[in-house]
Amino acid sequence: MELAYYSDYAVRLVNSEDPARGKDSLTSVEAVRDLFGGNRSAARRATDTDVTRFRSVRARLRAVFEAADIGDETLAVDLLNSLLLEFPVSPQISGHDVRDDDGRPLWHMHLADHPSNATAGYAAIAAMGLAFHLTEYGVDRLGLCEAAPCRNAYLDTSTNRSRRYCSDRCATRANVAAYRARKRLEADRSEKTGLTAESAQRTSASSER
């Protein structure tokens, strides 16, 4: 089953908002449709009323990532289970139009949603994809970017569970900030050491007199 593909639905929706900077790209039905990516048939179901619905689901998905980020595994699972109950899907075997060298379908598992609206369909796929990712790799594989003020969600697929940032850009920014902070600390220590040595010399000179 294409776990990364389905779980990315959750990441895309959560990252349509940047709370720390007060930015929100989910402001129109066109923005909602863009979240579906290549699933154009599902995107066409979206209407203006889905904007508000998507924002509500987004807040609930972000809460899952926030719980995982602070290590509250039980809360993350409970929040995700409530989404799964509200937005169910049906797993189906699908071959689409993809064929192997012998002309046979390349069968794979597909999450089929039966939504009453575009939000229900998107939420069902996002929640199920995130659930598969959590149970397969662990709750600590759901993260929020550590490069302040960014708090974008990400899925850690590294081999050593080392991912801390949502993108290379944020990783570079955080490394540069850390480097500058170390340099400032070293300069402060050097200045204090110099002042201490100077003070010691003055004290020594005074005592000799």
N, C-alpha and C. Protein backbone atom coordinates (compact mmCIF):
# COMPACT_ATOMS: atom_id res chain seq x y z
N MET A 1 0.85 -1.19 0.00
CA MET A 1 0.00 0.00 0.00
C MET A 1 0.88 1.24 0.00
N GLU A 2 0.52 2.26 -0.73
CA GLU A 2 1.34 3.45 -0.89
C GLU A 2 1.22 4.34 0.35
N LEU A 3 1.92 3.94 1.41
CA LEU A 3 1.77 4.64 2.68
C LEU A 3 2.21 6.09 2.58
N ALA A 4 3.37 6.34 1.97
CA ALA A 4 3.90 7.69 1.88
C ALA A 4 2.93 8.60 1.12
N TYR A 5 2.36 8.04 0.05
CA TYR A 5 1.44 8.83 -0.76
C TYR A 5 0.22 9.27 0.05
N TYR A 6 -0.38 8.35 0.79
CA TYR A 6 -1.58 8.67 1.55
C TYR A 6 -1.28 9.55 2.77
N SER A 7 -0.19 9.28 3.46
CA SER A 7 0.14 10.08 4.64
C SER A 7 0.54 11.50 4.26
N ASP A 8 1.02 11.68 3.04
CA ASP A 8 1.36 13.03 2.58
C ASP A 8 0.13 13.93 2.48
N TYR A 9 -1.05 13.32 2.35
CA TYR A 9 -2.28 14.11 2.35
C TYR A 9 -2.37 14.90 3.66
N ALA A 10 -2.06 14.22 4.76
CA ALA A 10 -2.13 14.88 6.08
C ALA A 10 -1.10 15.99 6.18
N VAL A 11 0.13 15.72 5.73
CA VAL A 11 1.19 16.72 5.81
C VAL A 11 0.85 17.95 4.98
N ARG A 12 0.35 17.73 3.77
CA ARG A 12 0.01 18.86 2.89
C ARG A 12 -1.04 19.75 3.53
N LEU A 13 -2.06 19.13 4.13
CA LEU A 13 -3.13 19.92 4.72
C LEU A 13 -2.63 20.68 5.95
N VAL A 14 -1.92 20.02 6.83
CA VAL A 14 -1.41 20.68 8.04
C VAL A 14 -0.52 21.86 7.66
N ASN A 15 0.32 21.68 6.65
CA ASN A 15 1.27 22.72 6.29
C ASN A 15 0.69 23.82 5.40
N SER A 16 -0.63 23.78 5.19
CA SER A 16 -1.26 24.89 4.47
C SER A 16 -1.43 26.09 5.38
N GLU A 17 -1.07 25.91 6.65
CA GLU A 17 -1.14 27.01 7.62
C GLU A 17 0.21 27.16 8.31
N ASP A 18 0.60 28.41 8.56
CA ASP A 18 1.82 28.70 9.31
C ASP A 18 1.41 29.54 10.52
N PRO A 19 0.99 28.91 11.60
CA PRO A 19 0.44 29.63 12.76
C PRO A 19 1.40 30.67 13.34
N ALA A 20 2.68 30.34 13.40
CA ALA A 20 3.65 31.25 14.03
C ALA A 20 3.77 32.56 13.27
N ARG A 21 3.58 32.50 11.96
CA ARG A 21 3.68 33.72 11.14
C ARG A 21 2.31 34.29 10.78
N GLY A 22 1.25 33.64 11.23
CA GLY A 22 -0.09 34.11 10.94
C GLY A 22 -0.46 33.98 9.48
N LYS A 23 0.07 32.95 8.80
CA LYS A 23 -0.20 32.76 7.38
C LYS A 23 -1.10 31.55 7.18
N ASP A 24 -2.01 31.67 6.21
CA ASP A 24 -2.94 30.59 5.90
C ASP A 24 -3.22 30.62 4.41
N SER A 25 -2.79 29.58 3.71
CA SER A 25 -3.02 29.52 2.25
C SER A 25 -4.34 28.89 1.89
N LEU A 26 -5.04 28.35 2.90
CA LEU A 26 -6.31 27.67 2.63
C LEU A 26 -7.45 28.69 2.71
N THR A 27 -7.57 29.50 1.66
CA THR A 27 -8.54 30.60 1.68
C THR A 27 -9.55 30.53 0.54
N SER A 28 -9.46 29.51 -0.31
CA SER A 28 -10.37 29.44 -1.45
C SER A 28 -10.59 27.99 -1.85
N VAL A 29 -11.61 27.77 -2.66
CA VAL A 29 -11.90 26.42 -3.13
C VAL A 29 -10.78 25.93 -4.04
N GLU A 30 -10.11 26.87 -4.74
CA GLU A 30 -8.98 26.49 -5.59
C GLU A 30 -7.84 25.94 -4.75
N ALA A 31 -7.62 26.55 -3.57
CA ALA A 31 -6.57 26.07 -2.67
C ALA A 31 -6.90 24.68 -2.15
N VAL A 32 -8.18 24.44 -1.88
CA VAL A 32 -8.62 23.11 -1.44
C VAL A 32 -8.34 22.09 -2.54
N ARG A 33 -8.69 22.42 -3.76
CA ARG A 33 -8.50 21.48 -4.87
C ARG A 33 -7.03 21.18 -5.11
N ASP A 34 -6.17 22.18 -4.89
CA ASP A 34 -4.73 21.96 -5.09
C ASP A 34 -4.17 20.92 -4.13
N LEU A 35 -4.78 20.80 -2.95
CA LEU A 35 -4.30 19.83 -1.96
C LEU A 35 -4.45 18.39 -2.43
N PHE A 36 -5.37 18.13 -3.35
CA PHE A 36 -5.60 16.78 -3.84
C PHE A 36 -4.49 16.32 -4.80
N GLY A 37 -3.63 17.23 -5.22
CA GLY A 37 -2.55 16.84 -6.13
C GLY A 37 -3.09 16.32 -7.43
N GLY A 38 -2.66 15.11 -7.81
CA GLY A 38 -3.07 14.54 -9.08
C GLY A 38 -4.44 13.91 -9.08
N ASN A 39 -5.08 13.85 -7.92
CA ASN A 39 -6.41 13.24 -7.84
C ASN A 39 -7.47 14.26 -8.26
N ARG A 40 -7.51 14.53 -9.53
CA ARG A 40 -8.36 15.61 -10.04
C ARG A 40 -9.85 15.30 -9.92
N SER A 41 -10.22 14.04 -10.05
CA SER A 41 -11.64 13.69 -9.97
C SER A 41 -12.18 14.00 -8.57
N ALA A 42 -11.37 13.71 -7.54
CA ALA A 42 -11.79 14.03 -6.17
C ALA A 42 -11.77 15.52 -5.94
N ALA A 43 -10.80 16.21 -6.52
CA ALA A 43 -10.69 17.66 -6.34
C ALA A 43 -11.90 18.40 -6.90
N ARG A 44 -12.45 17.87 -7.98
CA ARG A 44 -13.60 18.55 -8.61
C ARG A 44 -14.84 18.54 -7.71
N ARG A 45 -14.88 17.67 -6.71
CA ARG A 45 -16.03 17.64 -5.80
C ARG A 45 -16.03 18.82 -4.83
N ALA A 46 -14.88 19.49 -4.67
CA ALA A 46 -14.76 20.57 -3.69
C ALA A 46 -15.63 21.77 -4.05
N THR A 47 -16.23 22.36 -3.02
CA THR A 47 -17.03 23.57 -3.18
C THR A 47 -16.55 24.59 -2.15
N ASP A 48 -17.12 25.76 -2.18
CA ASP A 48 -16.72 26.82 -1.24
C ASP A 48 -16.92 26.40 0.21
N THR A 49 -17.92 25.60 0.48
CA THR A 49 -18.20 25.19 1.86
C THR A 49 -17.10 24.27 2.41
N ASP A 50 -16.31 23.67 1.52
CA ASP A 50 -15.24 22.78 1.98
C ASP A 50 -14.07 23.55 2.59
N VAL A 51 -13.94 24.83 2.31
CA VAL A 51 -12.83 25.61 2.88
C VAL A 51 -12.88 25.56 4.41
N THR A 52 -14.04 25.85 4.97
CA THR A 52 -14.19 25.83 6.43
C THR A 52 -14.03 24.42 6.98
N ARG A 53 -14.60 23.46 6.28
CA ARG A 53 -14.48 22.06 6.73
C ARG A 53 -13.03 21.60 6.74
N PHE A 54 -12.30 21.95 5.70
CA PHE A 54 -10.89 21.55 5.61
C PHE A 54 -10.09 22.17 6.76
N ARG A 55 -10.40 23.40 7.11
CA ARG A 55 -9.68 24.05 8.21
C ARG A 55 -9.92 23.31 9.53
N SER A 56 -11.14 22.83 9.71
CA SER A 56 -11.47 22.09 10.92
C SER A 56 -10.68 20.78 11.00
N VAL A 57 -10.63 20.05 9.88
CA VAL A 57 -9.87 18.80 9.83
C VAL A 57 -8.38 19.09 10.01
N ARG A 58 -7.92 20.18 9.43
CA ARG A 58 -6.51 20.56 9.55
C ARG A 58 -6.11 20.74 11.01
N ALA A 59 -6.95 21.41 11.77
CA ALA A 59 -6.66 21.64 13.20
C ALA A 59 -6.55 20.31 13.95
N ARG A 60 -7.41 19.37 13.59
CA ARG A 60 -7.39 18.07 14.27
C ARG A 60 -6.17 17.25 13.86
N LEU A 61 -5.76 17.35 12.62
CA LEU A 61 -4.55 16.64 12.18
C LEU A 61 -3.30 17.26 12.81
N ARG A 62 -3.27 18.58 12.91
CA ARG A 62 -2.12 19.23 13.55
C ARG A 62 -2.03 18.80 15.01
N ALA A 63 -3.16 18.63 15.66
CA ALA A 63 -3.16 18.19 17.06
C ALA A 63 -2.50 16.81 17.19
N VAL A 64 -2.68 15.95 16.18
CA VAL A 64 -2.03 14.64 16.20
C VAL A 64 -0.51 14.81 16.16
N PHE A 65 -0.03 15.66 15.27
CA PHE A 65 1.40 15.91 15.16
C PHE A 65 1.94 16.57 16.43
N GLU A 66 1.18 17.47 17.01
CA GLU A 66 1.62 18.14 18.24
C GLU A 66 1.75 17.15 19.39
N ALA A 67 0.79 16.24 19.49
CA ALA A 67 0.85 15.21 20.54
C ALA A 67 2.06 14.31 20.33
N ALA A 68 2.30 13.92 19.09
CA ALA A 68 3.45 13.08 18.78
C ALA A 68 4.75 13.82 19.08
N ASP A 69 4.77 15.11 18.79
CA ASP A 69 5.98 15.91 18.96
C ASP A 69 6.40 16.01 20.42
N ILE A 70 5.44 16.01 21.34
CA ILE A 70 5.78 16.09 22.76
C ILE A 70 5.85 14.71 23.40
N GLY A 71 5.73 13.68 22.58
CA GLY A 71 5.87 12.32 23.07
C GLY A 71 4.65 11.72 23.72
N ASP A 72 3.48 12.36 23.54
CA ASP A 72 2.24 11.83 24.11
C ASP A 72 1.62 10.86 23.11
N GLU A 73 2.12 9.65 23.12
CA GLU A 73 1.71 8.64 22.15
C GLU A 73 0.23 8.29 22.26
N THR A 74 -0.26 8.16 23.48
CA THR A 74 -1.66 7.79 23.68
C THR A 74 -2.60 8.86 23.12
N LEU A 75 -2.29 10.11 23.38
CA LEU A 75 -3.13 11.20 22.87
C LEU A 75 -3.11 11.22 21.36
N ALA A 76 -1.95 11.07 20.76
CA ALA A 76 -1.85 11.07 19.30
C ALA A 76 -2.72 9.97 18.69
N VAL A 77 -2.67 8.79 19.29
CA VAL A 77 -3.47 7.67 18.78
C VAL A 77 -4.96 7.93 18.99
N ASP A 78 -5.33 8.45 20.14
CA ASP A 78 -6.74 8.74 20.41
C ASP A 78 -7.30 9.76 19.42
N LEU A 79 -6.54 10.81 19.17
CA LEU A 79 -6.98 11.85 18.24
C LEU A 79 -7.13 11.28 16.83
N LEU A 80 -6.19 10.42 16.45
CA LEU A 80 -6.24 9.84 15.12
C LEU A 80 -7.39 8.84 15.00
N ASN A 81 -7.63 8.09 16.06
CA ASN A 81 -8.75 7.14 16.04
C ASN A 81 -10.09 7.85 15.88
N SER A 82 -10.23 9.02 16.49
CA SER A 82 -11.49 9.75 16.37
C SER A 82 -11.71 10.19 14.92
N LEU A 83 -10.64 10.52 14.22
CA LEU A 83 -10.75 10.89 12.81
C LEU A 83 -11.10 9.66 11.96
N LEU A 84 -10.49 8.53 12.29
CA LEU A 84 -10.75 7.31 11.54
C LEU A 84 -12.20 6.87 11.68
N LEU A 85 -12.76 7.05 12.88
CA LEU A 85 -14.15 6.68 13.10
C LEU A 85 -15.11 7.61 12.35
N GLU A 86 -14.76 8.87 12.31
CA GLU A 86 -15.63 9.85 11.66
C GLU A 86 -15.53 9.80 10.14
N PHE A 87 -14.33 9.47 9.65
CA PHE A 87 -14.10 9.46 8.20
C PHE A 87 -13.54 8.09 7.77
N PRO A 88 -14.39 7.08 7.64
CA PRO A 88 -13.92 5.73 7.29
C PRO A 88 -13.61 5.58 5.80
N VAL A 89 -12.78 4.58 5.51
CA VAL A 89 -12.47 4.24 4.12
C VAL A 89 -12.61 2.73 3.95
N SER A 90 -12.60 2.30 2.69
CA SER A 90 -12.66 0.86 2.38
C SER A 90 -11.43 0.49 1.56
N PRO A 91 -10.59 -0.43 2.06
CA PRO A 91 -9.44 -0.87 1.26
C PRO A 91 -9.91 -1.73 0.10
N GLN A 92 -9.36 -1.49 -1.08
CA GLN A 92 -9.72 -2.26 -2.26
C GLN A 92 -8.47 -2.59 -3.06
N ILE A 93 -8.51 -3.73 -3.77
CA ILE A 93 -7.42 -4.08 -4.66
C ILE A 93 -7.63 -3.37 -5.99
N SER A 94 -6.58 -2.71 -6.46
CA SER A 94 -6.72 -1.93 -7.69
C SER A 94 -5.52 -2.17 -8.60
N GLY A 95 -5.77 -2.11 -9.90
CA GLY A 95 -4.69 -2.26 -10.87
C GLY A 95 -4.56 -1.02 -11.74
N HIS A 96 -5.59 -0.18 -11.71
CA HIS A 96 -5.64 1.02 -12.56
C HIS A 96 -5.30 0.62 -14.00
N ASP A 97 -4.50 1.42 -14.65
CA ASP A 97 -4.11 1.12 -16.03
C ASP A 97 -2.65 0.69 -16.12
N VAL A 98 -2.03 0.43 -14.97
CA VAL A 98 -0.62 0.05 -14.94
C VAL A 98 -0.47 -1.43 -15.23
N ARG A 99 0.40 -1.77 -16.16
CA ARG A 99 0.60 -3.17 -16.57
C ARG A 99 2.07 -3.55 -16.48
N ASP A 100 2.31 -4.86 -16.24
CA ASP A 100 3.70 -5.34 -16.23
C ASP A 100 4.09 -5.74 -17.65
N ASP A 101 5.25 -6.35 -17.80
CA ASP A 101 5.75 -6.70 -19.14
C ASP A 101 4.86 -7.72 -19.85
N ASP A 102 4.12 -8.48 -19.06
CA ASP A 102 3.23 -9.48 -19.65
C ASP A 102 1.83 -8.94 -19.90
N GLY A 103 1.63 -7.68 -19.63
CA GLY A 103 0.34 -7.08 -19.86
C GLY A 103 -0.66 -7.28 -18.75
N ARG A 104 -0.20 -7.84 -17.63
CA ARG A 104 -1.10 -8.08 -16.50
C ARG A 104 -1.13 -6.85 -15.60
N PRO A 105 -2.24 -6.60 -14.91
CA PRO A 105 -2.32 -5.46 -14.00
C PRO A 105 -1.33 -5.61 -12.85
N LEU A 106 -0.76 -4.51 -12.43
CA LEU A 106 0.11 -4.50 -11.25
C LEU A 106 -0.79 -4.21 -10.05
N TRP A 107 -1.28 -5.27 -9.45
CA TRP A 107 -2.25 -5.12 -8.36
C TRP A 107 -1.60 -4.49 -7.12
N HIS A 108 -2.36 -3.63 -6.47
CA HIS A 108 -1.91 -3.03 -5.22
C HIS A 108 -3.13 -2.62 -4.41
N MET A 109 -2.92 -2.35 -3.13
CA MET A 109 -4.01 -1.92 -2.28
C MET A 109 -4.28 -0.43 -2.48
N HIS A 110 -5.54 -0.10 -2.49
CA HIS A 110 -5.97 1.27 -2.73
C HIS A 110 -7.02 1.63 -1.68
N LEU A 111 -6.95 2.84 -1.15
CA LEU A 111 -7.95 3.29 -0.18
C LEU A 111 -9.09 3.96 -0.92
N ALA A 112 -10.21 3.33 -0.94
CA ALA A 112 -11.39 3.86 -1.62
C ALA A 112 -12.27 4.58 -0.60
N ASP A 113 -12.53 5.85 -0.86
CA ASP A 113 -13.39 6.60 0.03
C ASP A 113 -14.78 6.72 -0.59
N HIS A 114 -15.76 6.87 0.26
CA HIS A 114 -17.14 7.03 -0.20
C HIS A 114 -17.72 8.26 0.48
N PRO A 115 -17.22 9.42 0.12
CA PRO A 115 -17.55 10.63 0.87
C PRO A 115 -18.85 11.29 0.46
N SER A 116 -19.39 12.02 1.42
CA SER A 116 -20.56 12.84 1.13
C SER A 116 -20.13 14.20 0.60
N ASN A 117 -18.87 14.54 0.80
CA ASN A 117 -18.32 15.81 0.30
C ASN A 117 -16.80 15.66 0.18
N ALA A 118 -16.15 16.66 -0.41
CA ALA A 118 -14.71 16.59 -0.66
C ALA A 118 -13.91 16.50 0.63
N THR A 119 -14.35 17.19 1.67
CA THR A 119 -13.63 17.17 2.94
C THR A 119 -13.61 15.78 3.54
N ALA A 120 -14.75 15.10 3.51
CA ALA A 120 -14.83 13.75 4.07
C ALA A 120 -13.90 12.80 3.32
N GLY A 121 -13.83 12.94 2.00
CA GLY A 121 -12.96 12.08 1.22
C GLY A 121 -11.49 12.33 1.53
N TYR A 122 -11.12 13.61 1.60
CA TYR A 122 -9.72 13.95 1.87
C TYR A 122 -9.34 13.54 3.28
N ALA A 123 -10.20 13.82 4.25
CA ALA A 123 -9.92 13.49 5.65
C ALA A 123 -9.76 11.99 5.85
N ALA A 124 -10.58 11.20 5.15
CA ALA A 124 -10.50 9.74 5.27
C ALA A 124 -9.15 9.23 4.80
N ILE A 125 -8.69 9.71 3.66
CA ILE A 125 -7.41 9.26 3.12
C ILE A 125 -6.26 9.76 3.99
N ALA A 126 -6.31 11.03 4.42
CA ALA A 126 -5.24 11.59 5.25
C ALA A 126 -5.11 10.85 6.57
N ALA A 127 -6.24 10.61 7.22
CA ALA A 127 -6.22 9.93 8.52
C ALA A 127 -5.74 8.50 8.39
N MET A 128 -6.20 7.78 7.38
CA MET A 128 -5.78 6.39 7.21
C MET A 128 -4.30 6.31 6.85
N GLY A 129 -3.86 7.19 5.98
CA GLY A 129 -2.44 7.20 5.62
C GLY A 129 -1.56 7.48 6.82
N LEU A 130 -1.98 8.43 7.67
CA LEU A 130 -1.22 8.76 8.86
C LEU A 130 -1.24 7.60 9.86
N ALA A 131 -2.37 6.93 9.94
CA ALA A 131 -2.49 5.78 10.84
C ALA A 131 -1.55 4.65 10.41
N PHE A 132 -1.47 4.38 9.11
CA PHE A 132 -0.56 3.36 8.62
C PHE A 132 0.90 3.74 8.93
N HIS A 133 1.21 5.01 8.74
CA HIS A 133 2.58 5.47 8.98
C HIS A 133 2.93 5.33 10.47
N LEU A 134 2.00 5.71 11.32
CA LEU A 134 2.23 5.64 12.77
C LEU A 134 2.42 4.20 13.24
N THR A 135 1.56 3.31 12.78
CA THR A 135 1.64 1.93 13.25
C THR A 135 2.82 1.18 12.63
N GLU A 136 3.23 1.58 11.43
CA GLU A 136 4.34 0.90 10.76
C GLU A 136 5.70 1.37 11.29
N TYR A 137 5.82 2.69 11.54
CA TYR A 137 7.13 3.25 11.87
C TYR A 137 7.24 3.79 13.29
N GLY A 138 6.13 4.05 13.94
CA GLY A 138 6.16 4.57 15.30
C GLY A 138 5.72 6.02 15.39
N VAL A 139 5.17 6.39 16.54
CA VAL A 139 4.64 7.74 16.71
C VAL A 139 5.74 8.79 16.65
N ASP A 140 6.98 8.41 16.99
CA ASP A 140 8.06 9.38 16.96
C ASP A 140 8.50 9.72 15.54
N ARG A 141 7.88 9.09 14.56
CA ARG A 141 8.16 9.42 13.16
C ARG A 141 7.28 10.55 12.65
N LEU A 142 6.37 11.05 13.51
CA LEU A 142 5.56 12.22 13.18
C LEU A 142 6.18 13.41 13.89
N GLY A 143 6.59 14.42 13.16
CA GLY A 143 7.29 15.53 13.80
C GLY A 143 6.84 16.89 13.36
N LEU A 144 7.26 17.89 14.12
CA LEU A 144 7.06 19.30 13.78
C LEU A 144 8.43 19.95 13.70
N CYS A 145 8.64 20.74 12.69
CA CYS A 145 9.94 21.35 12.41
C CYS A 145 10.49 22.09 13.63
N GLU A 146 11.78 21.88 13.92
CA GLU A 146 12.42 22.51 15.08
C GLU A 146 13.10 23.83 14.73
N ALA A 147 13.02 24.24 13.47
CA ALA A 147 13.64 25.50 13.06
C ALA A 147 12.68 26.64 13.31
N ALA A 148 12.71 27.21 14.51
CA ALA A 148 11.80 28.30 14.87
C ALA A 148 11.91 29.46 13.89
N PRO A 149 10.78 30.10 13.54
CA PRO A 149 9.44 29.87 14.08
C PRO A 149 8.63 28.83 13.30
N CYS A 150 9.25 28.15 12.33
CA CYS A 150 8.53 27.16 11.53
C CYS A 150 8.05 26.01 12.41
N ARG A 151 6.82 25.60 12.17
CA ARG A 151 6.27 24.42 12.87
C ARG A 151 5.55 23.53 11.87
N ASN A 152 6.12 23.44 10.68
CA ASN A 152 5.54 22.57 9.66
C ASN A 152 5.64 21.11 10.09
N ALA A 153 4.65 20.34 9.68
CA ALA A 153 4.66 18.91 9.98
C ALA A 153 5.54 18.18 8.97
N TYR A 154 6.08 17.04 9.40
CA TYR A 154 6.84 16.19 8.50
C TYR A 154 6.74 14.75 8.96
N LEU A 155 7.05 13.83 8.06
CA LEU A 155 7.10 12.41 8.37
C LEU A 155 8.55 11.96 8.27
N ASP A 156 9.08 11.44 9.34
CA ASP A 156 10.48 11.03 9.37
C ASP A 156 10.62 9.64 8.76
N THR A 157 11.26 9.56 7.61
CA THR A 157 11.49 8.28 6.95
C THR A 157 12.98 7.94 6.93
N SER A 158 13.78 8.65 7.73
CA SER A 158 15.21 8.39 7.78
C SER A 158 15.47 7.03 8.43
N THR A 159 16.61 6.44 8.11
CA THR A 159 16.92 5.11 8.65
C THR A 159 17.26 5.14 10.13
N ASN A 160 17.74 6.28 10.63
CA ASN A 160 18.15 6.36 12.04
C ASN A 160 17.30 7.31 12.87
N ARG A 161 16.10 7.59 12.40
CA ARG A 161 15.16 8.45 13.12
C ARG A 161 15.80 9.79 13.51
N SER A 162 16.50 10.39 12.57
CA SER A 162 17.27 11.59 12.88
C SER A 162 16.67 12.88 12.36
N ARG A 163 15.57 12.80 11.63
CA ARG A 163 15.02 14.02 11.03
C ARG A 163 14.47 14.95 12.09
N ARG A 164 14.76 16.24 11.95
CA ARG A 164 14.29 17.25 12.90
C ARG A 164 13.64 18.45 12.22
N TYR A 165 13.78 18.52 10.90
CA TYR A 165 13.30 19.69 10.18
C TYR A 165 12.42 19.27 9.00
N CYS A 166 11.53 20.18 8.59
CA CYS A 166 10.59 19.85 7.52
C CYS A 166 11.21 19.91 6.14
N SER A 167 12.35 20.60 6.00
CA SER A 167 12.97 20.77 4.69
C SER A 167 14.46 21.04 4.84
N ASP A 168 15.19 20.93 3.74
CA ASP A 168 16.62 21.26 3.75
C ASP A 168 16.83 22.74 4.06
N ARG A 169 15.91 23.56 3.60
CA ARG A 169 16.01 25.00 3.85
C ARG A 169 15.98 25.31 5.34
N CYS A 170 15.03 24.68 6.05
CA CYS A 170 14.93 24.90 7.49
C CYS A 170 16.12 24.30 8.22
N ALA A 171 16.62 23.16 7.76
CA ALA A 171 17.78 22.54 8.38
C ALA A 171 18.99 23.46 8.25
N THR A 172 19.18 24.04 7.07
CA THR A 172 20.30 24.96 6.85
C THR A 172 20.16 26.20 7.72
N ARG A 173 18.95 26.74 7.78
CA ARG A 173 18.72 27.93 8.60
C ARG A 173 19.00 27.66 10.07
N ALA A 174 18.59 26.50 10.55
CA ALA A 174 18.82 26.15 11.95
C ALA A 174 20.30 25.95 12.23
N ASN A 175 21.02 25.32 11.29
CA ASN A 175 22.45 25.11 11.47
C ASN A 175 23.22 26.42 11.48
N VAL A 176 22.83 27.34 10.60
CA VAL A 176 23.48 28.66 10.57
C VAL A 176 23.22 29.41 11.87
N ALA A 177 21.98 29.35 12.36
CA ALA A 177 21.64 30.03 13.61
C ALA A 177 22.42 29.43 14.78
N ALA A 178 22.56 28.11 14.79
CA ALA A 178 23.32 27.45 15.86
C ALA A 178 24.79 27.82 15.80
N TYR A 179 25.34 27.90 14.58
CA TYR A 179 26.74 28.28 14.41
C TYR A 179 26.99 29.70 14.92
N ARG A 180 26.09 30.62 14.56
CA ARG A 180 26.24 32.00 15.00
C ARG A 180 26.11 32.12 16.51
N ALA A 181 25.21 31.32 17.08
CA ALA A 181 25.04 31.34 18.54
C ALA A 181 26.31 30.85 19.24
N ARG A 182 26.93 29.81 18.69
CA ARG A 182 28.18 29.30 19.27
C ARG A 182 29.28 30.35 19.19
N LYS A 183 29.36 31.04 18.06
CA LYS A 183 30.38 32.06 17.88
C LYS A 183 30.18 33.21 18.87
N ARG A 184 28.92 33.60 19.08
CA ARG A 184 28.65 34.67 20.05
C ARG A 184 29.05 34.23 21.45
N LEU A 185 28.75 32.98 21.79
CA LEU A 185 29.10 32.45 23.11
C LEU A 185 30.61 32.41 23.30
N GLU A 186 31.32 31.97 22.25
CA GLU A 186 32.78 31.93 22.32
C GLU A 186 33.35 33.33 22.48
N ALA A 187 32.78 34.31 21.76
CA ALA A 187 33.25 35.69 21.86
C ALA A 187 33.00 36.24 23.26
N ASP A 188 31.83 35.94 23.82
CA ASP A 188 31.51 36.40 25.18
C ASP A 188 32.46 35.80 26.19
N ARG A 189 32.74 34.51 26.04
CA ARG A 189 33.66 33.84 26.97
C ARG A 189 35.06 34.41 26.86
N SER A 190 35.48 34.67 25.60
CA SER A 190 36.80 35.23 25.38
C SER A 190 36.92 36.61 26.00
N GLU A 191 35.84 37.40 25.85
CA GLU A 191 35.85 38.75 26.42
C GLU A 191 35.91 38.70 27.93
N LYS A 192 35.13 37.78 28.52
CA LYS A 192 35.12 37.64 29.97
C LYS A 192 36.47 37.16 30.48
N THR A 193 37.08 36.22 29.73
CA THR A 193 38.39 35.70 30.12
C THR A 193 39.43 36.82 30.07
N GLY A 194 39.33 37.66 29.03
CA GLY A 194 40.25 38.79 28.90
C GLY A 194 40.09 39.77 30.02
N LEU A 195 38.83 40.07 30.38
CA LEU A 195 38.58 41.00 31.47
C LEU A 195 39.06 40.44 32.79
N THR A 196 38.88 39.14 32.98
CA THR A 196 39.33 38.49 34.22
C THR A 196 40.85 38.55 34.33
N ALA A 197 41.54 38.29 33.22
CA ALA A 197 43.00 38.34 33.23
C ALA A 197 43.50 39.75 33.49
N GLU A 198 42.83 40.73 32.88
CA GLU A 198 43.22 42.12 33.08
C GLU A 198 43.02 42.54 34.53
N SER A 199 41.88 42.10 35.10
CA SER A 199 41.59 42.43 36.49
C SER A 199 42.63 41.80 37.42
N ALA A 200 43.04 40.58 37.11
CA ALA A 200 44.02 39.88 37.92
C ALA A 200 45.35 40.61 37.87
N GLN A 201 45.71 41.10 36.69
CA GLN A 201 46.97 41.82 36.55
C GLN A 201 46.95 43.11 37.37
N ARG A 202 45.81 43.79 37.35
CA ARG A 202 45.69 45.03 38.11
C ARG A 202 45.80 44.77 39.62
N THR A 203 45.15 43.68 40.04
CA THR A 203 45.21 43.33 41.45
C THR A 203 46.63 43.01 41.89
N SER A 204 47.33 42.28 41.01
CA SER A 204 48.71 41.90 41.29
C SER A 204 49.61 43.13 41.37
N ALA A 205 49.38 44.05 40.45
CA ALA A 205 50.19 45.27 40.41
C ALA A 205 49.94 46.12 41.65
N SER A 206 48.71 46.17 42.08
CA SER A 206 48.36 46.97 43.28
C SER A 206 49.01 46.37 44.53
N SER A 207 49.02 45.06 44.63
CA SER A 207 49.59 44.41 45.80
C SER A 207 51.10 44.57 45.87
N GLU A 208 51.73 44.65 44.68
CA GLU A 208 53.19 44.84 44.64
C GLU A 208 53.55 46.23 45.12
N ARG A 209 52.68 47.20 44.86
CA ARG A 209 52.95 48.56 45.31
C ARG A 209 52.75 48.68 46.83
